[in-house]
Structure formats: structure tokens, C-alpha cells
Amino acid sequence: MENEKTKTLYLHHLDERLALAKIILERQQAKYRYGMVGYLSVLNAQESLQELEQTRLSQHLELLKYRIALHRSLAGGMMTYDVNNEWRNYDR
């Protein structure tokens, strides 16, 4: 459970960083439009934002994998109901 809390908190911090990276990108784009910075600054801001988005997605995937593993360990795997009205465990 501690792992989930840690990952959830980390995802929250990543969300905050993503919001700031979006603001930075918008400001760099505005500065570029007014000729205050070169296009390289815009590209760097875009790259930073994309790296954060990739990190956010991979961390969210890790959290989902953790939840699935927890569910399987507590519930004994994935049970489905087939057409013949029988419960089957597809993890075995």
C-alpha cells in the first residue's frame, strides 16, 4: 500500500511539473513570436514538456501494474464468466 501512496504522490508532483512546463512553453512561444528568443528555446521547452509527459505515462503504467498485481494477489487472479455460465480462472 505504501508503494501506491508513493507513486500517487509522485504522479501528483509530475502533474504540477507538467502544468509549469506548459506555461513555460507558452511563454517561450510568445517570446519567439515577438522576436525575443530563438526557435531553439521553443524546441527545448517542447522537449522538456514531452519528456515529462513520457515520464508521467510510464509512472501511471507502473501504478496500474502495481494495482493489478495487488488485485491478483488478493483475489486470486482474473475470473471471467464464460458463455456456459461457468466461472473460469484464466491466470492458471
Protein backbone atom coordinates (compact mmCIF):
# COMPACT_ATOMS: atom_id res chain seq x y z
CA MET A 1 0.00 0.00 0.00
CA GLU A 2 2.91 2.33 0.73
CA ASN A 3 4.15 1.86 -2.83
CA GLU A 4 0.80 3.05 -4.19
CA LYS A 5 0.81 6.12 -1.96
CA THR A 6 4.34 6.97 -3.03
CA LYS A 7 3.53 6.56 -6.72
CA THR A 8 0.31 8.57 -6.39
CA LEU A 9 2.18 11.40 -4.69
CA TYR A 10 4.88 11.27 -7.35
CA LEU A 11 2.21 11.43 -10.08
CA HIS A 12 0.72 14.48 -8.37
CA HIS A 13 4.12 16.19 -8.40
CA LEU A 14 4.58 15.26 -12.05
CA ASP A 15 1.19 16.84 -12.82
CA GLU A 16 2.34 20.05 -11.18
CA ARG A 17 5.59 19.99 -13.15
CA LEU A 18 3.64 19.36 -16.35
CA ALA A 19 1.44 22.38 -15.72
CA LEU A 20 4.53 24.54 -15.22
CA ALA A 21 6.20 23.11 -18.33
CA LYS A 22 3.11 24.00 -20.39
CA ILE A 23 3.23 27.57 -19.08
CA ILE A 24 6.94 27.79 -19.92
CA LEU A 25 6.29 26.51 -23.43
CA GLU A 26 3.52 29.06 -23.97
CA ARG A 27 5.78 31.86 -22.76
CA GLN A 28 8.66 30.74 -24.96
CA GLN A 29 6.32 30.63 -27.95
CA ALA A 30 5.09 34.15 -27.19
CA LYS A 31 8.66 35.41 -26.81
CA TYR A 32 9.56 33.79 -30.12
CA ARG A 33 6.63 35.50 -31.86
CA TYR A 34 7.91 38.87 -30.61
CA GLY A 35 11.47 38.07 -31.62
CA MET A 36 12.82 37.96 -28.06
CA VAL A 37 14.24 34.41 -28.24
CA GLY A 38 15.31 32.00 -30.93
CA TYR A 39 13.34 28.97 -32.01
CA LEU A 40 15.78 26.71 -30.17
CA SER A 41 14.29 27.95 -26.88
CA VAL A 42 10.84 26.86 -28.05
CA LEU A 43 12.18 23.46 -29.09
CA ASN A 44 13.90 22.99 -25.73
CA ALA A 45 10.67 23.83 -23.91
CA GLN A 46 8.76 21.36 -26.10
CA GLU A 47 11.33 18.66 -25.44
CA SER A 48 11.13 19.20 -21.69
CA LEU A 49 7.34 19.01 -21.80
CA GLN A 50 7.39 15.82 -23.87
CA GLU A 51 9.91 14.17 -21.54
CA LEU A 52 7.69 14.98 -18.57
CA GLU A 53 4.65 13.59 -20.41
CA GLN A 54 6.51 10.36 -21.15
CA THR A 55 7.62 10.09 -17.53
CA ARG A 56 4.05 10.71 -16.35
CA LEU A 57 2.69 8.00 -18.64
CA SER A 58 5.31 5.44 -17.63
CA GLN A 59 4.76 6.13 -13.93
CA HIS A 60 0.99 5.82 -14.37
CA LEU A 61 1.55 2.49 -16.12
CA GLU A 62 3.70 1.32 -13.18
CA LEU A 63 0.92 2.29 -10.76
CA LEU A 64 -1.63 0.35 -12.81
CA LYS A 65 0.65 -2.69 -12.92
CA TYR A 66 1.05 -2.47 -9.15
CA ARG A 67 -2.73 -2.31 -8.67
CA ILE A 68 -3.25 -5.29 -10.97
CA ALA A 69 -0.64 -7.31 -9.08
CA LEU A 70 -2.26 -6.34 -5.77
CA HIS A 71 -5.70 -7.32 -7.05
CA ARG A 72 -4.41 -10.64 -8.31
CA SER A 73 -2.66 -11.42 -5.04
CA LEU A 74 -5.77 -10.60 -3.01
CA ALA A 75 -8.43 -12.01 -5.32
CA GLY A 76 -6.56 -14.91 -6.83
CA GLY A 77 -6.40 -13.78 -10.42
CA MET A 78 -8.76 -12.75 -13.16
CA MET A 79 -12.08 -14.55 -13.11
CA THR A 80 -14.40 -14.32 -16.07
CA TYR A 81 -17.83 -15.67 -16.75
CA ASP A 82 -17.99 -17.62 -19.99
CA VAL A 83 -20.96 -18.46 -22.21
CA ASN A 84 -21.64 -21.77 -20.50
CA ASN A 85 -22.36 -19.97 -17.21
CA GLU A 86 -19.15 -21.20 -15.64
CA TRP A 87 -16.54 -19.21 -13.79
CA ARG A 88 -13.02 -19.71 -15.08
CA ASN A 89 -9.71 -18.51 -13.78
CA TYR A 90 -7.58 -17.53 -16.75
CA ASP A 91 -4.41 -17.00 -14.71
CA ARG A 92 -3.87 -20.70 -14.22
